[in-house]
PDB file of N, CA and C in Angstrom:
ATOM      1  N   MET A   1     136.202 112.146 186.672  1.00  0.00           N
ATOM      2  CA  MET A   1     136.414 111.486 187.937  1.00  0.00           C
ATOM      3  C   MET A   1     137.864 111.024 188.011  1.00  0.00           C
ATOM      4  N   THR A   2     138.735 111.809 188.589  1.00  0.00           N
ATOM      5  CA  THR A   2     140.141 111.448 188.705  1.00  0.00           C
ATOM      6  C   THR A   2     140.385 110.794 190.048  1.00  0.00           C
ATOM      7  N   LYS A   3     141.087 109.702 190.001  1.00  0.00           N
ATOM      8  CA  LYS A   3     141.384 108.939 191.202  1.00  0.00           C
ATOM      9  C   LYS A   3     142.812 109.253 191.631  1.00  0.00           C
ATOM     10  N   GLN A   4     143.007 109.482 192.916  1.00  0.00           N
ATOM     11  CA  GLN A   4     144.339 109.791 193.439  1.00  0.00           C
ATOM     12  C   GLN A   4     145.159 108.508 193.493  1.00  0.00           C
ATOM     13  N   LEU A   5     146.357 108.526 192.901  1.00  0.00           N
ATOM     14  CA  LEU A   5     147.215 107.352 192.863  1.00  0.00           C
ATOM     15  C   LEU A   5     148.147 107.350 194.062  1.00  0.00           C
ATOM     16  N   ASP A   6     148.245 106.217 194.737  1.00  0.00           N
ATOM     17  CA  ASP A   6     149.100 106.078 195.904  1.00  0.00           C
ATOM     18  C   ASP A   6     150.536 105.844 195.436  1.00  0.00           C
ATOM     19  N   PRO A   7     151.481 106.744 195.743  1.00  0.00           N
ATOM     20  CA  PRO A   7     152.853 106.582 195.245  1.00  0.00           C
ATOM     21  C   PRO A   7     153.547 105.340 195.792  1.00  0.00           C
ATOM     22  N   ARG A   8     153.092 104.814 196.928  1.00  0.00           N
ATOM     23  CA  ARG A   8     153.723 103.606 197.469  1.00  0.00           C
ATOM     24  C   ARG A   8     153.358 102.366 196.662  1.00  0.00           C
ATOM     25  N   LYS A   9     152.196 102.371 196.036  1.00  0.00           N
ATOM     26  CA  LYS A   9     151.765 101.209 195.256  1.00  0.00           C
ATOM     27  C   LYS A   9     152.222 101.277 193.801  1.00  0.00           C
ATOM     28  N   LEU A  10     152.647 102.449 193.347  1.00  0.00           N
ATOM     29  CA  LEU A  10     153.056 102.601 191.953  1.00  0.00           C
ATOM     30  C   LEU A  10     154.286 101.764 191.623  1.00  0.00           C
ATOM     31  N   ALA A  11     155.211 101.637 192.579  1.00  0.00           N
ATOM     32  CA  ALA A  11     156.442 100.880 192.323  1.00  0.00           C
ATOM     33  C   ALA A  11     156.149  99.400 192.115  1.00  0.00           C
ATOM     34  N   ASP A  12     155.050  98.895 192.677  1.00  0.00           N
ATOM     35  CA  ASP A  12     154.713  97.484 192.524  1.00  0.00           C
ATOM     36  C   ASP A  12     154.096  97.172 191.163  1.00  0.00           C
ATOM     37  N   LEU A  13     153.668  98.187 190.426  1.00  0.00           N
ATOM     38  CA  LEU A  13     153.060  97.952 189.122  1.00  0.00           C
ATOM     39  C   LEU A  13     154.085  97.539 188.075  1.00  0.00           C
ATOM     40  N   ILE A  14     155.286  98.100 188.166  1.00  0.00           N
ATOM     41  CA  ILE A  14     156.336  97.809 187.192  1.00  0.00           C
ATOM     42  C   ILE A  14     157.141  96.625 187.707  1.00  0.00           C
ATOM     43  N   ARG A  15     157.126  95.509 186.952  1.00  0.00           N
ATOM     44  CA  ARG A  15     157.833  94.319 187.412  1.00  0.00           C
ATOM     45  C   ARG A  15     159.302  94.334 187.009  1.00  0.00           C
ATOM     46  N   ARG A  16     159.570  94.488 185.694  1.00  0.00           N
ATOM     47  CA  ARG A  16     160.952  94.462 185.222  1.00  0.00           C
ATOM     48  C   ARG A  16     161.001  95.047 183.814  1.00  0.00           C
ATOM     49  N   PRO A  17     162.163  95.546 183.402  1.00  0.00           N
ATOM     50  CA  PRO A  17     162.289  95.950 181.998  1.00  0.00           C
ATOM     51  C   PRO A  17     162.468  94.714 181.120  1.00  0.00           C
ATOM     52  N   ILE A  18     161.948  94.773 179.919  1.00  0.00           N
ATOM     53  CA  ILE A  18     162.093  93.672 178.968  1.00  0.00           C
ATOM     54  C   ILE A  18     163.228  94.028 178.029  1.00  0.00           C
ATOM     55  N   VAL A  19     164.232  93.158 177.978  1.00  0.00           N
ATOM     56  CA  VAL A  19     165.405  93.399 177.145  1.00  0.00           C
ATOM     57  C   VAL A  19     165.458  92.308 176.083  1.00  0.00           C
ATOM     58  N   THR A  20     164.859  92.586 174.945  1.00  0.00           N
ATOM     59  CA  THR A  20     164.900  91.697 173.797  1.00  0.00           C
ATOM     60  C   THR A  20     165.471  92.476 172.621  1.00  0.00           C
ATOM     61  N   GLU A  21     165.610  91.809 171.502  1.00  0.00           N
ATOM     62  CA  GLU A  21     166.151  92.488 170.327  1.00  0.00           C
ATOM     63  C   GLU A  21     165.221  93.616 169.878  1.00  0.00           C
ATOM     64  N   LYS A  22     163.936  93.354 169.871  1.00  0.00           N
ATOM     65  CA  LYS A  22     162.969  94.378 169.477  1.00  0.00           C
ATOM     66  C   LYS A  22     162.968  95.543 170.470  1.00  0.00           C
ATOM     67  N   ALA A  23     163.059  95.226 171.759  1.00  0.00           N
ATOM     68  CA  ALA A  23     163.033  96.272 172.785  1.00  0.00           C
ATOM     69  C   ALA A  23     164.274  97.163 172.695  1.00  0.00           C
ATOM     70  N   THR A  24     165.428  96.582 172.391  1.00  0.00           N
ATOM     71  CA  THR A  24     166.635  97.402 172.271  1.00  0.00           C
ATOM     72  C   THR A  24     166.591  98.270 171.010  1.00  0.00           C
ATOM     73  N   LEU A  25     165.939  97.791 169.955  1.00  0.00           N
ATOM     74  CA  LEU A  25     165.773  98.633 168.762  1.00  0.00           C
ATOM     75  C   LEU A  25     164.821  99.794 169.043  1.00  0.00           C
ATOM     76  N   LEU A  26     163.807  99.556 169.879  1.00  0.00           N
ATOM     77  CA  LEU A  26     162.877 100.625 170.228  1.00  0.00           C
ATOM     78  C   LEU A  26     163.523 101.684 171.114  1.00  0.00           C
ATOM     79  N   MET A  27     164.571 101.306 171.861  1.00  0.00           N
ATOM     80  CA  MET A  27     165.252 102.267 172.721  1.00  0.00           C
ATOM     81  C   MET A  27     165.889 103.393 171.907  1.00  0.00           C
ATOM     82  N   GLU A  28     166.246 103.123 170.657  1.00  0.00           N
ATOM     83  CA  GLU A  28     166.805 104.163 169.803  1.00  0.00           C
ATOM     84  C   GLU A  28     165.771 105.246 169.494  1.00  0.00           C
ATOM     85  N   ASN A  29     164.484 104.881 169.519  1.00  0.00           N
ATOM     86  CA  ASN A  29     163.393 105.839 169.290  1.00  0.00           C
ATOM     87  C   ASN A  29     162.824 106.374 170.593  1.00  0.00           C
ATOM     88  N   ASN A  30     163.551 106.188 171.690  1.00  0.00           N
ATOM     89  CA  ASN A  30     163.158 106.671 173.021  1.00  0.00           C
ATOM     90  C   ASN A  30     161.888 105.981 173.518  1.00  0.00           C
ATOM     91  N   GLN A  31     161.741 104.687 173.163  1.00  0.00           N
ATOM     92  CA  GLN A  31     160.646 103.873 173.659  1.00  0.00           C
ATOM     93  C   GLN A  31     161.232 102.742 174.491  1.00  0.00           C
ATOM     94  N   TYR A  32     160.640 102.492 175.656  1.00  0.00           N
ATOM     95  CA  TYR A  32     161.129 101.469 176.566  1.00  0.00           C
ATOM     96  C   TYR A  32     160.008 100.480 176.837  1.00  0.00           C
ATOM     97  N   THR A  33     160.380  99.216 177.066  1.00  0.00           N
ATOM     98  CA  THR A  33     159.422  98.144 177.256  1.00  0.00           C
ATOM     99  C   THR A  33     159.563  97.580 178.661  1.00  0.00           C
ATOM    100  N   PHE A  34     158.424  97.436 179.349  1.00  0.00           N
ATOM    101  CA  PHE A  34     158.415  96.927 180.717  1.00  0.00           C
ATOM    102  C   PHE A  34     157.355  95.849 180.855  1.00  0.00           C
ATOM    103  N   GLU A  35     157.630  94.884 181.734  1.00  0.00           N
ATOM    104  CA  GLU A  35     156.588  93.948 182.147  1.00  0.00           C
ATOM    105  C   GLU A  35     155.877  94.592 183.323  1.00  0.00           C
ATOM    106  N   VAL A  36     154.553  94.657 183.244  1.00  0.00           N
ATOM    107  CA  VAL A  36     153.774  95.332 184.278  1.00  0.00           C
ATOM    108  C   VAL A  36     152.710  94.383 184.826  1.00  0.00           C
ATOM    109  N   ASP A  37     152.084  94.796 185.901  1.00  0.00           N
ATOM    110  CA  ASP A  37     150.997  94.035 186.508  1.00  0.00           C
ATOM    111  C   ASP A  37     149.831  93.940 185.528  1.00  0.00           C
ATOM    112  N   ARG A  38     149.160  92.787 185.485  1.00  0.00           N
ATOM    113  CA  ARG A  38     148.068  92.584 184.526  1.00  0.00           C
ATOM    114  C   ARG A  38     146.916  93.562 184.740  1.00  0.00           C
ATOM    115  N   LYS A  39     146.707  94.008 185.970  1.00  0.00           N
ATOM    116  CA  LYS A  39     145.581  94.894 186.277  1.00  0.00           C
ATOM    117  C   LYS A  39     145.940  96.369 186.169  1.00  0.00           C
ATOM    118  N   ALA A  40     147.179  96.685 185.823  1.00  0.00           N
ATOM    119  CA  ALA A  40     147.613  98.081 185.747  1.00  0.00           C
ATOM    120  C   ALA A  40     146.988  98.765 184.535  1.00  0.00           C
ATOM    121  N   THR A  41     146.557 100.004 184.728  1.00  0.00           N
ATOM    122  CA  THR A  41     145.985 100.777 183.634  1.00  0.00           C
ATOM    123  C   THR A  41     147.060 101.712 183.067  1.00  0.00           C
ATOM    124  N   LYS A  42     146.762 102.288 181.911  1.00  0.00           N
ATOM    125  CA  LYS A  42     147.734 103.177 181.271  1.00  0.00           C
ATOM    126  C   LYS A  42     148.065 104.400 182.127  1.00  0.00           C
ATOM    127  N   PRO A  43     147.091 105.081 182.748  1.00  0.00           N
ATOM    128  CA  PRO A  43     147.452 106.216 183.613  1.00  0.00           C
ATOM    129  C   PRO A  43     148.303 105.796 184.817  1.00  0.00           C
ATOM    130  N   GLU A  44     148.039 104.608 185.369  1.00  0.00           N
ATOM    131  CA  GLU A  44     148.848 104.126 186.486  1.00  0.00           C
ATOM    132  C   GLU A  44     150.268 103.816 186.046  1.00  0.00           C
ATOM    133  N   ILE A  45     150.422 103.214 184.868  1.00  0.00           N
ATOM    134  CA  ILE A  45     151.754 102.900 184.342  1.00  0.00           C
ATOM    135  C   ILE A  45     152.519 104.188 184.078  1.00  0.00           C
ATOM    136  N   LYS A  46     151.853 105.175 183.498  1.00  0.00           N
ATOM    137  CA  LYS A  46     152.493 106.464 183.221  1.00  0.00           C
ATOM    138  C   LYS A  46     152.965 107.124 184.512  1.00  0.00           C
ATOM    139  N   ALA A  47     152.110 107.131 185.538  1.00  0.00           N
ATOM    140  CA  ALA A  47     152.484 107.736 186.813  1.00  0.00           C
ATOM    141  C   ALA A  47     153.637 106.977 187.472  1.00  0.00           C
ATOM    142  N   ALA A  48     153.645 105.651 187.357  1.00  0.00           N
ATOM    143  CA  ALA A  48     154.702 104.849 187.976  1.00  0.00           C
ATOM    144  C   ALA A  48     156.048 105.100 187.308  1.00  0.00           C
ATOM    145  N   ILE A  49     156.083 105.137 185.977  1.00  0.00           N
ATOM    146  CA  ILE A  49     157.345 105.379 185.258  1.00  0.00           C
ATOM    147  C   ILE A  49     157.856 106.780 185.556  1.00  0.00           C
ATOM    148  N   GLU A  50     156.961 107.776 185.561  1.00  0.00           N
ATOM    149  CA  GLU A  50     157.386 109.148 185.847  1.00  0.00           C
ATOM    150  C   GLU A  50     157.912 109.269 187.276  1.00  0.00           C
ATOM    151  N   ALA A  51     157.307 108.555 188.225  1.00  0.00           N
ATOM    152  CA  ALA A  51     157.757 108.640 189.615  1.00  0.00           C
ATOM    153  C   ALA A  51     159.061 107.882 189.839  1.00  0.00           C
ATOM    154  N   LEU A  52     159.206 106.706 189.225  1.00  0.00           N
ATOM    155  CA  LEU A  52     160.393 105.875 189.468  1.00  0.00           C
ATOM    156  C   LEU A  52     161.646 106.431 188.796  1.00  0.00           C
ATOM    157  N   PHE A  53     161.503 106.903 187.551  1.00  0.00           N
ATOM    158  CA  PHE A  53     162.675 107.287 186.767  1.00  0.00           C
ATOM    159  C   PHE A  53     162.812 108.790 186.569  1.00  0.00           C
ATOM    160  N   ASP A  54     161.879 109.591 187.064  1.00  0.00           N
ATOM    161  CA  ASP A  54     161.922 111.048 186.966  1.00  0.00           C
ATOM    162  C   ASP A  54     162.044 111.498 185.508  1.00  0.00           C
ATOM    163  N   VAL A  55     161.129 111.017 184.666  1.00  0.00           N
ATOM    164  CA  VAL A  55     161.094 111.359 183.247  1.00  0.00           C
ATOM    165  C   VAL A  55     159.680 111.799 182.887  1.00  0.00           C
ATOM    166  N   LYS A  56     159.511 112.331 181.680  1.00  0.00           N
ATOM    167  CA  LYS A  56     158.209 112.756 181.174  1.00  0.00           C
ATOM    168  C   LYS A  56     157.751 111.725 180.140  1.00  0.00           C
ATOM    169  N   VAL A  57     156.610 111.079 180.404  1.00  0.00           N
ATOM    170  CA  VAL A  57     156.063 110.057 179.515  1.00  0.00           C
ATOM    171  C   VAL A  57     155.059 110.711 178.571  1.00  0.00           C
ATOM    172  N   LEU A  58     155.245 110.482 177.268  1.00  0.00           N
ATOM    173  CA  LEU A  58     154.329 111.025 176.276  1.00  0.00           C
ATOM    174  C   LEU A  58     153.185 110.065 175.972  1.00  0.00           C
ATOM    175  N   LYS A  59     153.496 108.753 175.903  1.00  0.00           N
ATOM    176  CA  LYS A  59     152.500 107.796 175.441  1.00  0.00           C
ATOM    177  C   LYS A  59     152.770 106.431 176.048  1.00  0.00           C
ATOM    178  N   VAL A  60     151.712 105.683 176.331  1.00  0.00           N
ATOM    179  CA  VAL A  60     151.829 104.326 176.857  1.00  0.00           C
ATOM    180  C   VAL A  60     150.944 103.413 176.011  1.00  0.00           C
ATOM    181  N   ASN A  61     151.540 102.354 175.458  1.00  0.00           N
ATOM    182  CA  ASN A  61     150.788 101.315 174.758  1.00  0.00           C
ATOM    183  C   ASN A  61     150.948 100.022 175.553  1.00  0.00           C
ATOM    184  N   THR A  62     149.879  99.254 175.668  1.00  0.00           N
ATOM    185  CA  THR A  62     149.946  98.003 176.419  1.00  0.00           C
ATOM    186  C   THR A  62     149.574  96.836 175.522  1.00  0.00           C
ATOM    187  N   LEU A  63     150.034  95.646 175.922  1.00  0.00           N
ATOM    188  CA  LEU A  63     149.818  94.448 175.126  1.00  0.00           C
ATOM    189  C   LEU A  63     149.789  93.249 176.057  1.00  0.00           C
ATOM    190  N   ILE A  64     148.767  92.416 175.906  1.00  0.00           N
ATOM    191  CA  ILE A  64     148.733  91.122 176.585  1.00  0.00           C
ATOM    192  C   ILE A  64     148.795  90.061 175.493  1.00  0.00           C
ATOM    193  N   GLN A  65     149.862  89.268 175.488  1.00  0.00           N
ATOM    194  CA  GLN A  65     150.045  88.242 174.471  1.00  0.00           C
ATOM    195  C   GLN A  65     148.996  87.147 174.651  1.00  0.00           C
ATOM    196  N   PRO A  66     148.550  86.502 173.567  1.00  0.00           N
ATOM    197  CA  PRO A  66     147.653  85.359 173.711  1.00  0.00           C
ATOM    198  C   PRO A  66     148.373  84.176 174.354  1.00  0.00           C
ATOM    199  N   ARG A  67     147.599  83.283 174.964  1.00  0.00           N
ATOM    200  CA  ARG A  67     148.189  82.142 175.652  1.00  0.00           C
ATOM    201  C   ARG A  67     148.867  81.223 174.647  1.00  0.00           C
ATOM    202  N   LYS A  68     150.034  80.690 175.029  1.00  0.00           N
ATOM    203  CA  LYS A  68     150.762  79.759 174.186  1.00  0.00           C
ATOM    204  C   LYS A  68     150.818  78.407 174.884  1.00  0.00           C
ATOM    205  N   LYS A  69     150.528  77.362 174.130  1.00  0.00           N
ATOM    206  CA  LYS A  69     150.492  76.018 174.691  1.00  0.00           C
ATOM    207  C   LYS A  69     151.915  75.445 174.722  1.00  0.00           C
ATOM    208  N   ARG A  70     152.263  74.772 175.807  1.00  0.00           N
ATOM    209  CA  ARG A  70     153.565  74.125 175.958  1.00  0.00           C
ATOM    210  C   ARG A  70     153.353  72.709 176.467  1.00  0.00           C
ATOM    211  N   ARG A  71     154.249  71.823 176.054  1.00  0.00           N
ATOM    212  CA  ARG A  71     154.191  70.440 176.504  1.00  0.00           C
ATOM    213  C   ARG A  71     155.433  70.099 177.302  1.00  0.00           C
ATOM    214  N   VAL A  72     155.246  69.295 178.333  1.00  0.00           N
ATOM    215  CA  VAL A  72     156.346  68.699 179.075  1.00  0.00           C
ATOM    216  C   VAL A  72     156.040  67.214 179.127  1.00  0.00           C
ATOM    217  N   GLY A  73     156.688  66.452 178.255  1.00  0.00           N
ATOM    218  CA  GLY A  73     156.373  65.029 178.154  1.00  0.00           C
ATOM    219  C   GLY A  73     154.973  64.847 177.611  1.00  0.00           C
ATOM    220  N   ARG A  74     154.146  64.117 178.338  1.00  0.00           N
ATOM    221  CA  ARG A  74     152.770  63.901 177.881  1.00  0.00           C
ATOM    222  C   ARG A  74     151.804  64.924 178.444  1.00  0.00           C
ATOM    223  N   PHE A  75     152.292  65.829 179.266  1.00  0.00           N
ATOM    224  CA  PHE A  75     151.434  66.821 179.901  1.00  0.00           C
ATOM    225  C   PHE A  75     151.435  68.110 179.095  1.00  0.00           C
ATOM    226  N   THR A  76     150.250  68.653 178.872  1.00  0.00           N
ATOM    227  CA  THR A  76     150.150  69.926 178.164  1.00  0.00           C
ATOM    228  C   THR A  76     149.716  70.998 179.145  1.00  0.00           C
ATOM    229  N   GLY A  77     150.219  72.184 178.912  1.00  0.00           N
ATOM    230  CA  GLY A  77     149.865  73.311 179.755  1.00  0.00           C
ATOM    231  C   GLY A  77     150.050  74.588 178.968  1.00  0.00           C
ATOM    232  N   TYR A  78     150.040  75.699 179.652  1.00  0.00           N
ATOM    233  CA  TYR A  78     150.174  76.995 179.002  1.00  0.00           C
ATOM    234  C   TYR A  78     151.285  77.794 179.659  1.00  0.00           C
ATOM    235  N   LYS A  79     151.951  78.610 178.851  1.00  0.00           N
ATOM    236  CA  LYS A  79     152.932  79.539 179.397  1.00  0.00           C
ATOM    237  C   LYS A  79     152.182  80.632 180.171  1.00  0.00           C
ATOM    238  N   PRO A  80     152.808  81.177 181.186  1.00  0.00           N
ATOM    239  CA  PRO A  80     152.122  82.246 181.931  1.00  0.00           C
ATOM    240  C   PRO A  80     151.979  83.500 181.068  1.00  0.00           C
ATOM    241  N   GLN A  81     150.841  84.153 181.198  1.00  0.00           N
ATOM    242  CA  GLN A  81     150.612  85.397 180.468  1.00  0.00           C
ATOM    243  C   GLN A  81     151.116  86.569 181.288  1.00  0.00           C
ATOM    244  N   TYR A  82     151.555  87.607 180.595  1.00  0.00           N
ATOM    245  CA  TYR A  82     151.954  88.830 181.266  1.00  0.00           C
ATOM    246  C   TYR A  82     151.628  90.007 180.366  1.00  0.00           C
ATOM    247  N   LYS A  83     151.621  91.179 180.954  1.00  0.00           N
ATOM    248  CA  LYS A  83     151.266  92.400 180.234  1.00  0.00           C
ATOM    249  C   LYS A  83     152.537  93.199 179.973  1.00  0.00           C
ATOM    250  N   ARG A  84     152.694  93.659 178.747  1.00  0.00           N
ATOM    251  CA  ARG A  84     153.821  94.515 178.372  1.00  0.00           C
ATOM    252  C   ARG A  84     153.333  95.942 178.222  1.00  0.00           C
ATOM    253  N   ALA A  85     154.196  96.866 178.600  1.00  0.00           N
ATOM    254  CA  ALA A  85     153.888  98.279 178.404  1.00  0.00           C
ATOM    255  C   ALA A  85     155.015  98.894 177.586  1.00  0.00           C
ATOM    256  N   PHE A  86     154.669  99.494 176.465  1.00  0.00           N
ATOM    257  CA  PHE A  86     155.620 100.231 175.633  1.00  0.00           C
ATOM    258  C   PHE A  86     155.463 101.701 175.984  1.00  0.00           C
ATOM    259  N   VAL A  87     156.530 102.311 176.517  1.00  0.00           N
ATOM    260  CA  VAL A  87     156.472 103.670 177.050  1.00  0.00           C
ATOM    261  C   VAL A  87     157.321 104.574 176.170  1.00  0.00           C
ATOM    262  N   LYS A  88     156.702 105.625 175.612  1.00  0.00           N
ATOM    263  CA  LYS A  88     157.437 106.605 174.805  1.00  0.00           C
ATOM    264  C   LYS A  88     157.716 107.814 175.676  1.00  0.00           C
ATOM    265  N   LEU A  89     159.005 108.199 175.733  1.00  0.00           N
ATOM    266  CA  LEU A  89     159.421 109.314 176.572  1.00  0.00           C
ATOM    267  C   LEU A  89     159.574 110.585 175.753  1.00  0.00           C
ATOM    268  N   ALA A  90     159.647 111.695 176.452  1.00  0.00           N
ATOM    269  CA  ALA A  90     159.915 112.981 175.815  1.00  0.00           C
ATOM    270  C   ALA A  90     161.311 112.934 175.181  1.00  0.00           C
ATOM    271  N   PRO A  91     161.557 113.727 174.131  1.00  0.00           N
ATOM    272  CA  PRO A  91     162.834 113.650 173.410  1.00  0.00           C
ATOM    273  C   PRO A  91     164.065 113.921 174.279  1.00  0.00           C
ATOM    274  N   ASP A  92     163.941 114.728 175.322  1.00  0.00           N
ATOM    275  CA  ASP A  92     165.122 115.058 176.126  1.00  0.00           C
ATOM    276  C   ASP A  92     165.299 114.135 177.331  1.00  0.00           C
ATOM    277  N   ASP A  93     164.429 113.128 177.494  1.00  0.00           N
ATOM    278  CA  ASP A  93     164.527 112.203 178.617  1.00  0.00           C
ATOM    279  C   ASP A  93     165.047 110.845 178.167  1.00  0.00           C
ATOM    280  N   SER A  94     165.632 110.101 179.105  1.00  0.00           N
ATOM    281  CA  SER A  94     166.058 108.728 178.839  1.00  0.00           C
ATOM    282  C   SER A  94     166.129 107.977 180.160  1.00  0.00           C
ATOM    283  N   ILE A  95     166.100 106.648 180.070  1.00  0.00           N
ATOM    284  CA  ILE A  95     166.205 105.780 181.236  1.00  0.00           C
ATOM    285  C   ILE A  95     167.479 104.960 181.084  1.00  0.00           C
ATOM    286  N   ALA A  96     168.303 104.931 182.115  1.00  0.00           N
ATOM    287  CA  ALA A  96     169.554 104.173 182.076  1.00  0.00           C
ATOM    288  C   ALA A  96     169.276 102.749 182.545  1.00  0.00           C
ATOM    289  N   LEU A  97     168.932 101.863 181.616  1.00  0.00           N
ATOM    290  CA  LEU A  97     168.707 100.461 181.975  1.00  0.00           C
ATOM    291  C   LEU A  97     170.015  99.728 182.213  1.00  0.00           C
ATOM    292  N   PHE A  98     171.064 100.182 181.534  1.00  0.00           N
ATOM    293  CA  PHE A  98     172.379  99.568 181.685  1.00  0.00           C
ATOM    294  C   PHE A  98     173.349 100.615 182.220  1.00  0.00           C
ATOM    295  N   PRO A  99     173.330 100.876 183.531  1.00  0.00           N
ATOM    296  CA  PRO A  99     174.236 101.896 184.050  1.00  0.00           C
ATOM    297  C   PRO A  99     175.688 101.438 183.972  1.00  0.00           C
ATOM    298  N   ASP A 100     176.577 102.398 183.760  1.00  0.00           N
ATOM    299  CA  ASP A 100     178.007 102.077 183.666  1.00  0.00           C
ATOM    300  C   ASP A 100     178.509 101.622 185.023  1.00  0.00           C
ATOM    301  N   VAL A 101     179.079 100.442 185.055  1.00  0.00           N
ATOM    302  CA  VAL A 101     179.553  99.874 186.324  1.00  0.00           C
ATOM    303  C   VAL A 101     181.054 100.006 186.416  1.00  0.00           C
TER     304      VAL A 101
END
């Protein structure tokens, strides 16, 4: 049962690229990290990355971090949760996250 993906909604699934020390080390292995919508599935993420950046995606791994408690004075709360997607591209493809300006 394959569901047709709406190309207009695919762009809303990808929120932003994550640029951390670990993410930049993964870029050397042709893996990129993105913050995505919590309800996005792996096939939707794959279709969105392929449509937005015109690349071939080999594999998608997702991760939702556990909630972390934070305090502000005497008030306790939680940091917002978000979903990360680790995207492995084909060897001849790449994404220019830092275009030459």
